[in-house]
Amino acid sequence: MALSEPLVRFSGIQKTYDGSTLVVRDLNLDIQSGEFLSLLGPSGSGKTTTLMMLAGFESPTAGDILLNGRQITGTPPHKRNFGMVFQNYALFPHMNVAQNVAYPLTVRDVPKAEQEQRVKKALDMVRLSGMGDRLPARLSGGQQQRVALARALVFNPQLVLMDEPLGALDKQLREHMQIELKELHHQLGVTFVYVTHDQGEALTMSDRVAVFNEGIIQQLADAQSLYETPSNRFVAGFVGDSTVLRGTLGQDASSIHLTGLGVSLRGLNINQSTSGAKVEACVRPERIALSLDAPSPSNCLTAQVVDIVYYGDHVRLLCKLGPEQPQAVVKLALIHPCAQHPPEPGSTVYLAFPPEYTRIYAV
């Protein structure tokens, strides 16, 4: 089914601050109306610059930004009708909660009676009913974040932009707010564009995730596709955990000859590398089958247990494959016999790597 005309289109966008180094390179990205899109990547990858260009706080060096098919590249921020939530909340300390939330309505000359109705609705929406008279200093971090969100939603924007809005919260509250944001998005149907460096956050909330690195979108996909089928070595390493195997591509172009081990494993040649090329295979820790007895199937390596780490809902075994290979990480559910009675450090174990989950990447 063909997608409808995008709400936002980045077309050939480039951005440089010094005239030579491109922070964003040839960005082409469509954002669909009503979706929750996360821009994910490490510091300096271009994700925040992309958000700031969409907000109007930065201007592209080249290219066009379209909103509903109309050019907005030169439109100032206050005329774009976008809600914005920052990491530091940016609340006015001398205004109470209701006044902070009402501020976007005040600058738009919305009548007082309508302001009161909209503020009440917005505070109800973020579960802050009855707190309109409080000053921001009397609120917790999570409550301040909700006020900032209510302020971004109160004027019915067609787009809400969020720049690491949960970054200042502790882990438990951050995870709770992720669920609330996702529920709010479903209720409102407003388009959310969310910047984060936290892969778990992006995977938890988003309809789609754009993974940035060095100013380029490395992959744009839904959370499951990003995790299960990363398109290159960077995405495989940045999104989720992986056991990494180093070597060269075999003569059949569908196996990796492992450095220092003298054996090969079959897998999927993702980037169409040629035989003899240096490659790395990535396998998700939960896909590796661990056994205490030598198994019959191929695609199996012998390893020594280095350490066992208990995570509450699962156990991870760190295993040594050889001096020229990184440690293998194996994730076992608590119902697995080897999780209930883990082998001692120094024990020999056997690791089977399913070929369909052994993804071989160019490096």
Protein backbone atom coordinates (compact mmCIF):
# COMPACT_ATOMS: atom_id res chain seq x y z
CA MET A 1 0.00 0.00 0.00
CA ALA A 2 1.46 3.39 -0.97
CA LEU A 3 2.06 5.88 1.82
CA SER A 4 0.12 9.13 1.83
CA GLU A 5 1.81 12.45 1.18
CA PRO A 6 4.17 13.01 4.14
CA LEU A 7 3.48 15.67 6.73
CA VAL A 8 7.17 16.67 6.66
CA ARG A 9 9.75 16.10 3.96
CA PHE A 10 13.48 16.75 4.26
CA SER A 11 14.87 16.94 0.73
CA GLY A 12 18.62 17.05 0.13
CA ILE A 13 19.29 18.73 3.48
CA GLN A 14 22.86 19.56 4.42
CA LYS A 15 24.16 21.46 7.44
CA THR A 16 27.61 22.81 8.22
CA TYR A 17 28.64 25.22 10.96
CA ASP A 18 32.20 25.91 9.80
CA GLY A 19 31.78 25.77 6.03
CA SER A 20 33.73 22.53 5.62
CA THR A 21 32.50 19.78 7.96
CA LEU A 22 28.99 18.54 7.25
CA VAL A 23 27.07 17.80 10.46
CA VAL A 24 24.12 16.57 8.38
CA ARG A 25 24.80 15.15 4.91
CA ASP A 26 22.24 14.86 2.13
CA LEU A 27 19.30 14.08 4.41
CA ASN A 28 16.17 12.79 2.69
CA LEU A 29 13.47 11.85 5.17
CA ASP A 30 9.67 11.71 5.09
CA ILE A 31 7.69 11.99 8.34
CA GLN A 32 4.13 10.68 8.13
CA SER A 33 1.20 12.40 9.83
CA GLY A 34 0.38 10.83 13.21
CA GLU A 35 3.52 8.73 13.56
CA PHE A 36 5.96 8.56 16.45
CA LEU A 37 9.39 8.92 14.85
CA SER A 38 12.56 8.76 16.91
CA LEU A 39 15.92 10.12 15.78
CA LEU A 40 18.48 7.87 17.45
CA GLY A 41 22.24 8.12 17.45
CA PRO A 42 25.39 8.92 19.41
CA SER A 43 26.49 12.45 20.30
CA GLY A 44 27.49 14.39 17.20
CA SER A 45 25.59 12.14 14.80
CA GLY A 46 23.32 14.92 13.48
CA LYS A 47 20.04 13.94 15.14
CA THR A 48 19.63 17.06 17.30
CA THR A 49 20.70 19.35 14.44
CA THR A 50 18.01 17.73 12.30
CA LEU A 51 15.39 18.42 14.99
CA MET A 52 16.57 22.02 15.39
CA MET A 53 16.29 22.58 11.62
CA LEU A 54 12.75 21.20 11.70
CA ALA A 55 11.91 23.47 14.64
CA GLY A 56 13.38 26.48 12.83
CA PHE A 57 16.13 27.20 15.37
CA GLU A 58 18.76 26.24 12.80
CA SER A 59 18.78 26.87 9.04
CA PRO A 60 19.95 24.24 6.55
CA THR A 61 23.02 25.02 4.49
CA ALA A 62 21.39 23.34 1.50
CA GLY A 63 18.14 21.57 0.67
CA ASP A 64 14.46 22.06 1.49
CA ILE A 65 12.11 21.28 4.36
CA LEU A 66 8.47 20.91 3.35
CA LEU A 67 5.39 20.86 5.58
CA ASN A 68 2.28 19.50 3.84
CA GLY A 69 4.09 20.10 0.58
CA ARG A 70 4.87 23.76 1.33
CA GLN A 71 8.35 25.15 1.82
CA ILE A 72 9.08 26.15 5.46
CA THR A 73 12.88 26.39 5.31
CA GLY A 74 12.74 30.14 5.91
CA THR A 75 9.71 30.18 8.22
CA PRO A 76 10.59 31.38 11.77
CA PRO A 77 9.95 28.97 14.68
CA HIS A 78 6.94 30.81 16.14
CA LYS A 79 5.09 30.55 12.83
CA ARG A 80 5.54 26.80 12.40
CA ASN A 81 2.91 25.84 15.01
CA PHE A 82 5.09 23.10 16.50
CA GLY A 83 5.15 22.11 20.15
CA MET A 84 8.62 21.74 21.68
CA VAL A 85 9.80 19.87 24.78
CA PHE A 86 13.42 20.30 25.89
CA GLN A 87 15.56 18.17 28.19
CA ASN A 88 15.76 20.95 30.81
CA TYR A 89 11.97 21.64 30.50
CA ALA A 90 12.59 25.44 30.07
CA LEU A 91 9.77 26.38 32.47
CA PHE A 92 9.41 29.96 33.68
CA PRO A 93 10.31 29.81 37.41
CA HIS A 94 8.28 32.90 38.36
CA MET A 95 5.09 31.54 36.74
CA ASN A 96 2.90 28.85 38.27
CA VAL A 97 2.02 25.67 36.42
CA ALA A 98 -1.17 27.06 34.86
CA GLN A 99 0.61 30.21 33.68
CA ASN A 100 3.44 28.18 32.17
CA VAL A 101 0.99 25.98 30.29
CA ALA A 102 -1.05 29.00 29.17
CA TYR A 103 1.96 30.88 27.81
CA PRO A 104 1.66 29.63 24.18
CA LEU A 105 -2.02 30.64 24.24
CA THR A 106 -1.21 34.08 25.65
CA VAL A 107 1.23 34.88 22.84
CA ARG A 108 -1.42 33.71 20.36
CA ASP A 109 -4.00 36.10 21.89
CA VAL A 110 -6.40 33.31 22.84
CA PRO A 111 -9.23 34.72 25.04
CA LYS A 112 -8.83 34.19 28.80
CA ALA A 113 -11.91 31.99 29.19
CA GLU A 114 -10.73 29.67 26.42
CA GLN A 115 -7.23 29.65 27.91
CA GLU A 116 -8.57 28.35 31.21
CA GLN A 117 -10.50 25.55 29.49
CA ARG A 118 -7.53 24.50 27.38
CA VAL A 119 -5.09 24.62 30.30
CA LYS A 120 -7.40 22.47 32.44
CA LYS A 121 -7.75 19.95 29.59
CA ALA A 122 -3.97 19.86 29.03
CA LEU A 123 -3.23 19.35 32.73
CA ASP A 124 -5.85 16.60 32.92
CA MET A 125 -4.20 14.99 29.91
CA VAL A 126 -0.82 14.76 31.67
CA ARG A 127 -2.37 13.87 35.04
CA LEU A 128 -1.58 17.14 36.84
CA SER A 129 -5.14 18.15 37.70
CA GLY A 130 -5.31 20.53 40.66
CA MET A 131 -1.64 21.55 40.45
CA GLY A 132 -2.11 24.73 38.43
CA ASP A 133 -1.23 27.04 41.34
CA ARG A 134 2.13 25.44 42.13
CA LEU A 135 5.46 26.93 41.12
CA PRO A 136 7.86 24.71 39.12
CA ALA A 137 10.36 24.65 42.01
CA ARG A 138 7.78 22.76 44.10
CA LEU A 139 7.43 19.99 41.50
CA SER A 140 9.42 16.80 41.03
CA GLY A 141 11.40 16.27 37.83
CA GLY A 142 8.69 14.03 36.43
CA GLN A 143 5.99 16.60 37.19
CA GLN A 144 8.04 19.38 35.57
CA GLN A 145 8.42 17.20 32.50
CA ARG A 146 4.63 16.77 32.38
CA VAL A 147 4.14 20.54 32.61
CA ALA A 148 6.51 21.04 29.68
CA LEU A 149 4.57 18.43 27.73
CA ALA A 150 1.21 20.07 28.55
CA ARG A 151 2.60 23.41 27.38
CA ALA A 152 3.69 21.83 24.10
CA LEU A 153 0.24 20.31 23.53
CA VAL A 154 -2.09 23.06 24.78
CA PHE A 155 -2.31 24.97 21.48
CA ASN A 156 -3.12 21.83 19.42
CA PRO A 157 0.10 21.70 17.36
CA GLN A 158 0.27 19.42 14.34
CA LEU A 159 3.77 18.36 15.33
CA VAL A 160 5.46 17.90 18.73
CA LEU A 161 9.27 17.95 18.80
CA MET A 162 11.10 16.47 21.80
CA ASP A 163 14.82 16.81 22.46
CA GLU A 164 15.91 14.16 25.01
CA PRO A 165 12.95 15.11 27.26
CA LEU A 166 13.47 12.23 29.71
CA GLY A 167 17.25 12.52 29.98
CA ALA A 168 17.22 14.21 33.41
CA LEU A 169 14.95 11.62 35.06
CA ASP A 170 16.05 8.55 37.00
CA LYS A 171 15.77 5.15 35.32
CA GLN A 172 12.49 4.01 36.90
CA LEU A 173 10.69 7.30 36.28
CA ARG A 174 12.10 7.51 32.77
CA GLU A 175 10.71 4.06 31.91
CA HIS A 176 7.35 5.00 33.41
CA MET A 177 7.23 8.22 31.37
CA GLN A 178 8.06 6.28 28.20
CA ILE A 179 4.85 4.29 28.65
CA GLU A 180 2.86 7.46 29.39
CA LEU A 181 4.22 9.25 26.31
CA LYS A 182 3.36 6.31 24.09
CA GLU A 183 -0.20 6.15 25.50
CA LEU A 184 -0.61 9.90 25.07
CA HIS A 185 0.54 9.66 21.47
CA HIS A 186 -2.06 6.97 20.77
CA GLN A 187 -4.79 9.07 22.37
CA LEU A 188 -4.00 12.31 20.56
CA GLY A 189 -2.84 11.10 17.15
CA VAL A 190 -0.39 14.04 16.98
CA THR A 191 2.89 13.54 15.14
CA PHE A 192 5.80 13.13 17.56
CA VAL A 193 9.45 13.57 16.53
CA TYR A 194 11.70 12.47 19.38
CA VAL A 195 15.48 12.78 19.71
CA THR A 196 17.33 10.34 21.95
CA HIS A 197 20.67 8.57 22.30
CA ASP A 198 18.95 5.82 24.34
CA GLN A 199 18.20 2.85 22.10
CA GLY A 200 15.83 1.25 24.62
CA GLU A 201 13.78 4.45 24.72
CA ALA A 202 13.57 4.61 20.93
CA LEU A 203 12.62 0.94 20.53
CA THR A 204 10.00 1.12 23.30
CA MET A 205 8.00 4.08 22.02
CA SER A 206 8.47 4.57 18.29
CA ASP A 207 6.55 3.57 15.20
CA ARG A 208 9.79 4.09 13.27
CA VAL A 209 13.37 4.89 14.24
CA ALA A 210 15.95 6.73 12.14
CA VAL A 211 19.44 5.68 13.26
CA PHE A 212 21.95 8.48 12.66
CA ASN A 213 25.74 8.33 12.48
CA GLU A 214 28.16 10.89 11.04
CA GLY A 215 25.31 13.00 9.68
CA ILE A 216 23.70 10.16 7.71
CA ILE A 217 20.66 7.99 8.40
CA GLN A 218 22.12 4.50 8.57
CA GLN A 219 18.74 2.78 8.74
CA LEU A 220 15.10 3.85 8.99
CA ALA A 221 12.75 1.12 10.14
CA ASP A 222 10.36 -0.10 12.81
CA ALA A 223 11.82 -1.30 16.11
CA GLN A 224 11.62 -5.02 15.34
CA SER A 225 13.32 -4.65 11.95
CA LEU A 226 16.10 -2.54 13.46
CA TYR A 227 16.78 -5.13 16.12
CA GLU A 228 16.36 -8.31 14.07
CA THR A 229 17.71 -7.16 10.70
CA PRO A 230 20.27 -4.33 11.09
CA SER A 231 21.38 -3.10 7.69
CA ASN A 232 25.05 -2.52 8.52
CA ARG A 233 27.70 -3.04 11.18
CA PHE A 234 27.07 0.31 12.88
CA VAL A 235 23.34 -0.35 13.43
CA ALA A 236 24.03 -3.90 14.60
CA GLY A 237 26.42 -2.55 17.23
CA PHE A 238 24.47 0.51 18.28
CA VAL A 239 20.99 -1.01 18.56
CA GLY A 240 20.85 -3.80 21.12
CA ASP A 241 23.63 -6.13 22.28
CA SER A 242 25.55 -8.42 19.99
CA THR A 243 28.22 -11.06 20.18
CA VAL A 244 30.81 -10.08 17.58
CA LEU A 245 32.96 -12.54 15.63
CA ARG A 246 35.92 -11.31 13.55
CA GLY A 247 37.29 -12.87 10.41
CA THR A 248 37.30 -12.94 6.62
CA LEU A 249 34.54 -13.89 4.23
CA GLY A 250 34.80 -17.48 2.97
CA GLN A 251 35.06 -18.59 -0.64
CA ASP A 252 31.33 -19.34 -0.76
CA ALA A 253 30.59 -15.71 0.28
CA SER A 254 28.15 -16.97 2.93
CA SER A 255 30.50 -17.93 5.75
CA ILE A 256 33.03 -16.23 8.00
CA HIS A 257 36.46 -17.74 8.59
CA LEU A 258 37.18 -16.79 12.20
CA THR A 259 40.48 -15.12 13.00
CA GLY A 260 42.70 -17.20 15.28
CA LEU A 261 40.26 -20.10 15.52
CA GLY A 262 40.79 -21.82 12.17
CA VAL A 263 37.09 -22.59 11.74
CA SER A 264 34.23 -21.11 9.75
CA LEU A 265 30.60 -20.33 10.54
CA ARG A 266 27.80 -20.01 8.01
CA GLY A 267 25.71 -16.85 8.02
CA LEU A 268 24.02 -14.14 5.97
CA ASN A 269 26.26 -11.87 3.89
CA ILE A 270 24.37 -8.61 4.50
CA ASN A 271 26.48 -6.07 2.62
CA GLN A 272 27.45 -8.32 -0.30
CA SER A 273 31.11 -8.45 0.71
CA THR A 274 33.46 -10.35 -1.56
CA SER A 275 35.42 -13.49 -0.63
CA GLY A 276 38.52 -12.74 1.42
CA ALA A 277 37.23 -9.37 2.66
CA LYS A 278 37.54 -8.49 6.36
CA VAL A 279 34.13 -8.92 7.96
CA GLU A 280 32.45 -9.20 11.34
CA ALA A 281 29.50 -11.40 12.23
CA CYS A 282 26.98 -10.18 14.79
CA VAL A 283 24.62 -12.47 16.67
CA ARG A 284 22.10 -11.39 19.31
CA PRO A 285 23.01 -12.96 22.68
CA GLU A 286 19.60 -14.61 23.09
CA ARG A 287 19.96 -16.38 19.69
CA ILE A 288 23.08 -18.31 20.73
CA ALA A 289 22.33 -21.81 21.98
CA LEU A 290 24.54 -22.86 24.89
CA SER A 291 25.19 -26.49 25.76
CA LEU A 292 27.42 -28.29 28.26
CA ASP A 293 27.81 -31.27 25.92
CA ALA A 294 29.33 -31.18 22.45
CA PRO A 295 26.33 -30.82 20.10
CA SER A 296 26.03 -32.53 16.74
CA PRO A 297 25.06 -29.54 14.56
CA SER A 298 27.62 -27.46 12.72
CA ASN A 299 28.06 -23.72 13.33
CA CYS A 300 29.26 -24.49 16.82
CA LEU A 301 32.25 -23.13 18.75
CA THR A 302 33.96 -24.28 21.92
CA ALA A 303 34.28 -21.57 24.60
CA GLN A 304 35.34 -21.09 28.20
CA VAL A 305 33.08 -19.37 30.73
CA VAL A 306 34.72 -16.19 32.06
CA ASP A 307 31.92 -14.72 34.18
CA ILE A 308 28.23 -15.07 34.97
CA VAL A 309 26.07 -11.96 35.48
CA TYR A 310 22.60 -12.13 37.02
CA TYR A 311 20.17 -9.51 35.61
CA GLY A 312 17.00 -10.43 37.46
CA ASP A 313 14.96 -11.61 34.49
CA HIS A 314 17.84 -13.38 32.74
CA VAL A 315 21.43 -14.52 33.15
CA ARG A 316 24.34 -13.56 30.91
CA LEU A 317 27.42 -15.69 30.43
CA LEU A 318 30.63 -14.06 29.23
CA CYS A 319 32.62 -16.61 27.29
CA LYS A 320 36.15 -16.60 25.87
CA LEU A 321 36.48 -17.87 22.30
CA GLY A 322 40.15 -17.14 21.65
CA PRO A 323 42.86 -14.49 22.04
CA GLU A 324 41.95 -12.75 18.77
CA GLN A 325 38.18 -12.72 19.32
CA PRO A 326 36.02 -10.51 21.58
CA GLN A 327 34.21 -12.21 24.43
CA ALA A 328 30.97 -13.89 23.45
CA VAL A 329 27.87 -12.83 25.38
CA VAL A 330 25.14 -15.44 25.82
CA LYS A 331 21.75 -14.45 27.23
CA LEU A 332 19.73 -17.20 28.94
CA ALA A 333 16.16 -16.97 30.22
CA LEU A 334 15.83 -18.01 33.87
CA ILE A 335 13.98 -21.18 32.87
CA HIS A 336 17.04 -22.41 30.95
CA PRO A 337 18.78 -25.25 32.85
CA CYS A 338 22.14 -23.50 32.52
CA ALA A 339 20.65 -20.34 34.04
CA GLN A 340 19.31 -22.24 37.02
CA HIS A 341 22.59 -24.12 37.51
CA PRO A 342 25.23 -22.02 35.72
CA PRO A 343 28.58 -23.59 34.82
CA GLU A 344 31.55 -22.44 36.89
CA PRO A 345 33.98 -19.86 35.46
CA GLY A 346 36.66 -21.75 33.54
CA SER A 347 34.21 -24.45 32.42
CA THR A 348 34.06 -25.49 28.78
CA VAL A 349 30.77 -24.85 27.00
CA TYR A 350 29.58 -25.16 23.42
CA LEU A 351 27.95 -22.28 21.57
CA ALA A 352 25.77 -22.90 18.52
CA PHE A 353 25.20 -19.97 16.16
CA PRO A 354 22.06 -20.35 13.99
CA PRO A 355 23.06 -19.39 10.41
CA GLU A 356 19.83 -17.40 9.89
CA TYR A 357 20.73 -15.14 12.85
CA THR A 358 24.47 -14.93 12.12
CA ARG A 359 24.64 -11.68 10.15
CA ILE A 360 27.95 -10.99 8.40
CA TYR A 361 28.82 -7.33 7.82
CA ALA A 362 31.45 -5.40 5.92
CA VAL A 363 33.83 -3.46 8.20
